[in-house]
Protein backbone atom coordinates (compact mmCIF):
# COMPACT_ATOMS: atom_id res chain seq x y z
CA MET A 1 6.58 2.69 -28.53
CA MET A 2 3.76 5.04 -28.94
CA PHE A 3 4.41 8.70 -28.61
CA PHE A 4 1.85 11.50 -28.07
CA LEU A 5 1.94 14.77 -29.88
CA PHE A 6 4.27 17.45 -28.66
CA LEU A 7 2.88 20.25 -26.67
CA SER A 8 3.36 22.66 -29.47
CA THR A 9 0.53 20.47 -31.35
CA LEU A 10 -1.58 20.55 -28.33
CA LEU A 11 -1.84 24.19 -27.98
CA PHE A 12 -3.47 24.47 -31.36
CA LEU A 13 -6.52 22.74 -29.79
CA ARG A 14 -9.19 25.45 -29.09
CA SER A 15 -11.67 25.49 -26.23
CA SER A 16 -15.35 25.57 -27.17
CA ALA A 17 -17.51 28.52 -26.17
CA ASP A 18 -18.73 27.07 -23.08
CA GLY A 19 -15.11 25.90 -22.05
CA SER A 20 -15.96 22.30 -21.91
CA ILE A 21 -13.33 21.13 -24.05
CA LYS A 22 -9.92 20.90 -22.05
CA THR A 23 -6.58 22.49 -22.89
CA ALA A 24 -3.15 21.07 -22.96
CA GLU A 25 -2.66 21.30 -19.34
CA SER A 26 -5.37 18.46 -18.84
CA TYR A 27 -3.07 15.70 -20.33
CA TRP A 28 -0.33 14.09 -18.91
CA THR A 29 1.68 10.76 -19.34
CA LEU A 30 1.33 8.27 -16.51
CA LYS A 31 3.91 5.88 -18.35
CA PRO A 32 4.72 4.68 -21.59
CA ASN A 33 1.46 3.93 -23.76
CA VAL A 34 -0.68 5.41 -20.82
CA LEU A 35 -2.19 8.94 -20.99
CA VAL A 36 -4.11 10.44 -18.19
CA VAL A 37 -6.86 13.13 -18.77
CA ASN A 38 -8.08 15.15 -15.82
CA VAL A 39 -11.72 15.40 -15.62
CA ASP A 40 -13.81 17.63 -13.26
CA ALA A 41 -17.39 16.92 -14.27
CA SER A 42 -19.46 14.33 -15.85
CA ASP A 43 -20.26 16.53 -18.85
CA ASP A 44 -16.82 17.31 -19.74
CA VAL A 45 -15.37 16.63 -23.30
CA ASN A 46 -11.91 16.12 -24.05
CA MET A 47 -10.11 16.30 -27.29
CA VAL A 48 -7.06 14.13 -26.97
CA PRO A 49 -4.22 13.95 -29.62
CA LEU A 50 -2.61 10.67 -30.28
CA ILE A 51 0.07 9.50 -32.54
CA CYS A 52 0.96 5.83 -33.76
CA GLY A 53 4.69 6.44 -34.07
CA GLU A 54 7.04 8.53 -35.65
CA ALA A 55 8.08 5.94 -38.20
CA TYR A 56 4.56 5.85 -39.64
CA GLU A 57 4.31 9.41 -41.00
CA GLY A 58 2.46 9.44 -44.45
CA GLU A 59 1.12 5.85 -44.09
CA ASN A 60 -2.44 4.66 -44.21
CA ILE A 61 -2.94 3.88 -40.37
CA THR A 62 -6.35 2.88 -39.22
CA TRP A 63 -7.42 2.99 -35.64
CA THR A 64 -9.85 0.94 -33.31
CA ARG A 65 -11.04 1.73 -29.79
CA ASN A 66 -11.21 -0.95 -27.33
CA ASN A 67 -10.55 -3.52 -30.17
CA ASP A 68 -14.16 -3.43 -31.04
CA GLU A 69 -14.93 -0.11 -32.46
CA ASN A 70 -13.37 1.22 -35.77
CA LEU A 71 -12.91 4.86 -35.98
CA GLU A 72 -13.29 7.08 -38.80
CA ALA A 73 -10.20 9.05 -38.18
CA GLN A 74 -7.25 7.65 -40.12
CA GLY A 75 -3.45 8.46 -40.45
CA ASN A 76 -0.48 8.48 -38.06
CA ARG A 77 -1.90 11.63 -36.07
CA ILE A 78 -5.50 11.74 -34.97
CA VAL A 79 -7.57 13.58 -32.41
CA VAL A 80 -10.11 11.46 -30.50
CA THR A 81 -13.09 12.59 -28.30
CA VAL A 82 -13.23 11.44 -24.72
CA GLU A 83 -16.53 12.26 -22.97
CA ALA A 84 -16.77 12.47 -19.23
CA TRP A 85 -15.01 9.59 -17.68
CA LYS A 86 -15.09 7.19 -20.61
CA GLY A 87 -11.56 6.56 -21.64
CA GLY A 88 -10.47 3.88 -23.82
CA ASN A 89 -7.73 1.68 -25.48
CA PHE A 90 -6.84 3.04 -28.90
CA SER A 91 -4.79 0.83 -31.10
CA CYS A 92 -3.38 1.56 -34.55
CA PHE A 93 -2.94 -0.87 -37.48
CA SER A 94 -1.14 -0.84 -40.81
CA SER A 95 -2.92 -0.78 -44.17
CA GLU A 96 -2.50 -4.53 -44.13
CA GLY A 97 -4.26 -5.03 -40.76
CA SER A 98 -1.08 -5.56 -38.58
CA TYR A 99 -0.95 -4.19 -35.18
CA LEU A 100 1.39 -1.40 -34.62
CA ASP A 101 0.93 0.23 -31.23
CA HIS A 102 -1.83 1.48 -28.80
CA THR A 103 -2.47 4.10 -26.19
CA LEU A 104 -4.36 3.69 -23.16
CA VAL A 105 -6.31 6.77 -22.22
CA LEU A 106 -7.64 6.87 -18.51
CA ALA A 107 -9.79 9.59 -17.08
CA GLN A 108 -8.76 10.86 -13.46
CA TRP A 109 -11.79 12.13 -11.68
CA PRO A 110 -11.71 14.12 -8.37
CA PHE A 111 -13.45 11.26 -6.30
CA ARG A 112 -12.18 8.56 -4.03
CA LYS A 113 -14.05 5.42 -4.66
CA ILE A 114 -11.53 2.61 -5.55
CA ILE A 115 -10.24 1.94 -2.35
CA LYS A 116 -11.62 2.72 1.18
CA ASN A 117 -10.70 5.21 3.79
CA THR A 118 -10.42 3.70 7.26
CA PRO A 119 -10.47 5.81 10.41
CA GLU A 120 -7.44 4.33 11.88
CA LYS A 121 -5.20 3.84 8.77
CA GLY A 122 -6.41 6.17 6.29
CA TYR A 123 -6.34 4.97 2.54
CA ILE A 124 -2.70 3.45 2.42
CA ASP A 125 -1.58 1.65 5.41
CA CYS A 126 2.32 1.25 5.29
CA SER A 127 4.52 -0.62 7.84
CA THR A 128 7.68 -2.52 8.14
CA ASN A 129 9.04 -4.86 10.85
CA ASN A 130 12.61 -3.77 10.90
CA TYR A 131 15.08 -1.29 9.55
CA GLY A 132 16.06 -3.12 6.62
CA GLY A 133 14.78 -0.74 4.01
CA SER A 134 11.79 -2.78 2.99
CA PHE A 135 8.18 -1.79 3.70
CA LYS A 136 4.75 -3.16 2.87
CA CYS A 137 1.75 -1.03 1.91
CA LYS A 138 -1.91 -2.24 1.91
CA TRP A 139 -5.43 -1.06 1.36
CA GLU A 140 -9.06 -1.98 1.07
CA TRP A 141 -11.01 -2.26 -1.99
CA GLY A 142 -14.04 -0.10 -2.42
CA GLU A 143 -17.67 -1.68 -2.63
CA ASN A 144 -18.47 -2.79 -6.20
CA ARG A 145 -15.10 -1.72 -7.56
CA ASN A 146 -13.15 -4.20 -9.68
CA GLY A 147 -9.74 -2.29 -9.31
CA HIS A 148 -6.06 -3.05 -9.77
CA VAL A 149 -2.79 -1.15 -9.35
CA VAL A 150 -1.73 0.43 -12.83
CA HIS A 151 1.41 2.35 -11.75
CA ILE A 152 3.58 2.96 -8.36
CA LYS A 153 5.98 5.89 -7.90
CA ALA A 154 8.19 5.86 -4.85
CA THR A 155 11.02 8.48 -4.39
CA ARG A 156 12.73 10.31 -1.51
CA SER A 157 11.76 14.00 -1.17
CA HIS A 158 14.20 15.36 -3.51
CA GLY A 159 14.31 12.44 -6.02
CA GLY A 160 17.24 10.42 -7.04
CA SER A 161 16.39 7.44 -4.82
CA ASN A 162 16.57 3.75 -5.68
CA ILE A 163 13.22 2.40 -4.56
CA SER A 164 11.42 -0.62 -6.36
CA CYS A 165 7.96 -1.85 -5.68
CA SER A 166 5.88 -4.81 -6.88
CA VAL A 167 2.29 -5.73 -6.47
CA ASP A 168 1.67 -8.93 -4.20
CA ASP A 169 0.01 -11.95 -5.48
CA ARG A 170 -3.50 -11.14 -4.34
CA GLY A 171 -3.35 -7.68 -5.63
CA GLN A 172 -4.27 -6.10 -2.27
CA SER A 173 -0.82 -4.85 -1.09
CA ILE A 174 2.56 -3.88 -2.44
CA THR A 175 6.11 -4.50 -1.21
CA CYS A 176 8.75 -2.18 -1.70
CA LEU A 177 12.61 -1.88 -1.05
CA ASP A 178 14.82 1.24 -0.76
CA HIS A 179 18.12 -0.11 -1.98
CA ASP A 180 20.02 2.88 -0.85
CA TYR A 181 18.56 2.90 2.80
CA CYS A 182 21.25 2.55 5.60
CA PRO A 183 19.74 1.73 8.96
CA TYR A 184 22.88 3.39 10.67
CA ALA A 185 22.44 6.71 9.10
CA GLU A 186 20.07 9.39 9.94
CA GLU A 187 17.05 9.41 7.76
CA VAL A 188 16.72 12.99 6.49
CA GLU A 189 14.19 12.54 3.66
CA ARG A 190 10.79 11.19 3.72
CA ILE A 191 9.55 8.48 1.05
CA ASN A 192 6.95 9.88 -1.27
CA LEU A 193 4.67 7.17 -2.39
CA THR A 194 1.92 7.52 -4.92
CA ILE A 195 -0.14 4.40 -6.19
CA TYR A 196 -2.35 4.85 -9.04
CA PHE A 197 -5.37 2.47 -9.13
CA ARG A 198 -7.57 1.76 -12.17
CA SER A 199 -11.11 0.66 -12.33
CA SER A 200 -12.29 0.15 -15.95
CA PHE A 201 -11.18 3.36 -17.72
CA VAL A 202 -10.93 5.60 -14.53
CA VAL A 203 -7.75 6.15 -12.51
CA GLU A 204 -7.33 7.41 -8.87
CA ALA A 205 -3.92 8.56 -7.39
CA TYR A 206 -3.37 8.01 -3.56
CA ASN A 207 -0.33 9.62 -1.95
CA THR A 208 1.40 9.19 1.38
CA LYS A 209 4.57 10.32 2.80
CA PHE A 210 6.76 8.79 5.77
CA TYR A 211 10.19 7.93 7.15
CA ILE A 212 10.88 4.44 7.68
CA MET A 213 11.38 5.17 11.54
CA ASP A 214 7.70 6.18 11.58
CA ILE A 215 6.27 3.06 10.20
CA VAL A 216 8.48 0.47 12.04
CA ARG A 217 6.31 -2.03 14.13
CA PRO A 218 8.17 -5.01 15.49
CA ASP A 219 6.81 -8.58 15.07
CA VAL A 220 5.27 -10.24 18.07
CA VAL A 221 7.60 -10.83 21.23
CA PRO A 222 8.49 -14.48 22.06
CA ILE A 223 7.87 -15.28 25.70
CA SER A 224 9.24 -18.41 27.39
CA ARG A 225 9.30 -19.69 30.88
CA ILE A 226 12.49 -19.58 32.94
CA ASN A 227 11.54 -21.00 36.19
CA LYS A 228 8.38 -20.95 38.60
CA THR A 229 8.66 -17.17 39.15
CA SER A 230 9.81 -15.44 35.97
CA VAL A 231 9.31 -15.48 32.27
CA GLU A 232 11.80 -14.15 29.55
CA VAL A 233 11.04 -11.79 26.85
CA THR A 234 13.40 -11.89 23.67
CA TYR A 235 13.60 -9.89 20.48
CA PRO A 236 11.69 -10.97 17.31
CA ARG A 237 14.03 -12.81 14.96
CA SER A 238 13.19 -10.14 12.27
CA TRP A 239 14.44 -7.35 14.38
CA ASN A 240 17.86 -5.79 13.66
CA ALA A 241 21.04 -6.43 15.57
CA PRO A 242 22.54 -5.58 17.61
CA SER A 243 20.14 -4.84 20.36
CA SER A 244 22.26 -2.22 21.90
CA TYR A 245 21.96 -0.03 18.76
CA PHE A 246 18.40 -1.05 17.90
CA PRO A 247 16.80 -1.36 21.52
CA LEU A 248 13.15 -2.20 22.10
CA MET A 249 10.98 -1.14 24.94
CA PHE A 250 8.34 -3.48 26.25
CA GLN A 251 4.76 -2.80 27.60
CA VAL A 252 3.65 -5.44 30.00
CA VAL A 253 0.12 -6.24 31.30
CA ARG A 254 -0.63 -8.68 34.00
CA CYS A 255 -4.04 -10.05 34.58
CA ARG A 256 -5.04 -11.07 37.93
CA LYS A 257 -6.03 -14.47 38.86
CA ARG A 258 -9.58 -15.84 37.63
CA GLU A 259 -9.97 -12.69 35.52
CA LYS A 260 -10.43 -12.85 31.70
CA CYS A 261 -7.29 -11.67 30.12
CA ASP A 262 -7.96 -9.20 27.09
CA CYS A 263 -4.54 -7.80 26.09
CA SER A 264 -6.17 -5.16 23.97
CA LYS A 265 -8.16 -3.76 26.94
CA PRO A 266 -5.88 -3.71 29.76
CA ASN A 267 -6.44 -2.19 33.20
CA LEU A 268 -4.18 1.08 33.33
CA GLN A 269 -3.08 0.05 36.78
CA GLU A 270 -1.80 -3.13 35.56
CA ILE A 271 0.39 -1.64 32.65
CA LEU A 272 4.25 -1.70 33.06
CA ILE A 273 6.93 -0.04 30.63
CA THR A 274 10.16 -1.66 31.03
CA GLN A 275 13.38 -2.54 29.20
CA SER A 276 13.96 -5.75 31.12
CA HIS A 277 13.94 -9.25 29.48
CA GLN A 278 12.99 -11.05 32.62
CA LEU A 279 9.39 -10.52 34.17
CA PRO A 280 8.24 -11.83 37.60
CA VAL A 281 5.27 -14.09 37.51
CA THR A 282 2.92 -15.89 39.76
CA LYS A 283 0.87 -19.03 39.23
CA GLY A 284 -2.65 -18.52 37.61
CA THR A 285 -1.60 -15.04 36.18
CA CYS A 286 -1.68 -14.18 32.35
CA VAL A 287 1.14 -11.79 31.06
CA CYS A 288 0.81 -9.85 27.89
CA VAL A 289 3.77 -8.15 26.16
CA ARG A 290 4.20 -6.08 23.19
CA ALA A 291 7.19 -4.02 22.00
CA ARG A 292 8.22 -0.75 20.02
CA ASP A 293 11.49 0.93 19.15
CA GLU A 294 12.69 2.65 22.27
CA PHE A 295 13.90 5.78 20.40
CA CYS A 296 10.98 6.32 18.17
CA ASN A 297 7.17 7.00 18.78
CA SER A 298 6.27 4.49 16.27
CA SER A 299 3.76 1.62 16.51
CA TRP A 300 3.47 -1.07 19.12
CA SER A 301 3.78 -4.67 18.05
CA ASP A 302 0.73 -7.16 18.38
CA TRP A 303 0.37 -8.57 21.85
CA SER A 304 2.02 -11.66 22.81
CA GLN A 305 0.30 -13.72 25.75
CA TYR A 306 1.73 -16.29 28.25
CA LYS A 307 -0.48 -18.02 30.76
CA CYS A 308 0.91 -19.38 33.96
CA LYS A 309 -0.51 -22.66 34.56
CA THR A 310 -2.10 -23.52 37.83
CA ARG A 311 -2.76 -26.69 39.72
CA GLU A 312 -6.51 -26.56 39.74
CA ASN A 313 -7.02 -28.43 36.59
CA ARG A 314 -4.86 -31.37 38.02
CA LYS A 315 -6.81 -31.45 41.24
CA GLN A 316 -9.98 -31.35 39.42
CA ARG A 317 -9.00 -34.34 37.39
CA ASN A 318 -8.06 -36.19 40.59
CA ARG A 319 -11.74 -35.70 41.84
CA GLU A 320 -13.23 -37.29 38.76
CA PRO A 321 -14.79 -40.64 39.64
CA LYS A 322 -12.95 -43.57 38.49
CA LEU A 323 -14.91 -46.26 36.61
CA LYS A 324 -15.33 -49.29 38.59
CA MET A 325 -14.56 -52.80 37.14
CA GLN A 326 -17.50 -55.16 37.01
């Protein structure tokens, strides 16, 4: 594993007269073999110290940048120049040409370009369909940006948490699980999530904080017909049990006969909030139902729609002329 020079070595680096060469505070380790350089302007020049490995002291070590550029600097410890946002992948080799290790140097700039900021959800949109401790976060890639996730950090406010995350197959979302989460205990600390996105040799960090109870959004509500005058609403299968401890409240919209039913744009006079599982209906009407946690002001589920059939279609079919046999 590659190590970087100790802070004491970094402090020997001197700033140039115009202050464009950064000091030790500009460097930090994102994860093993990945170093991040904080860059404020396009004309910044950063002197970055690298080390191939403690075991290679005194050996004849050669270096390359991005696997195709041979560096003049040699030895176990070298200092490389990183101009502006042009990072690089620095690899070290033995005198026989054998690969030993590498350091990926990324530039972190103050911009937000790799993923998009949406008015409704912001940069990172996190949600979960129950109180099981798992959650999913998604985003939208920025235009002309070939980005990917380079690192994920998820902890509770005071650390010591056990949260694991993985990037989904398409690379546009992550799925996380808080292994210590208990749905029956009070949630006293927020989850602090930071996702690091990389595009070329630039890295951007995006952070969000939340409670599980703030991002809960139930799955769609099943609706079934009981009889001619009522329908039944049931809890989603993914929702927690028992329902007495995890109750849902329902928002119901009824569309009048022969009206186009758009659940997303209901008439305020037709909205009903209820905990009842049975809803009265009449022929020719449309019923829209969505649910959310009764005790938390979290998000509503998507709408479920049920249309009560009429006899008009049957009568219309009866009016159609029958073919006469010749």
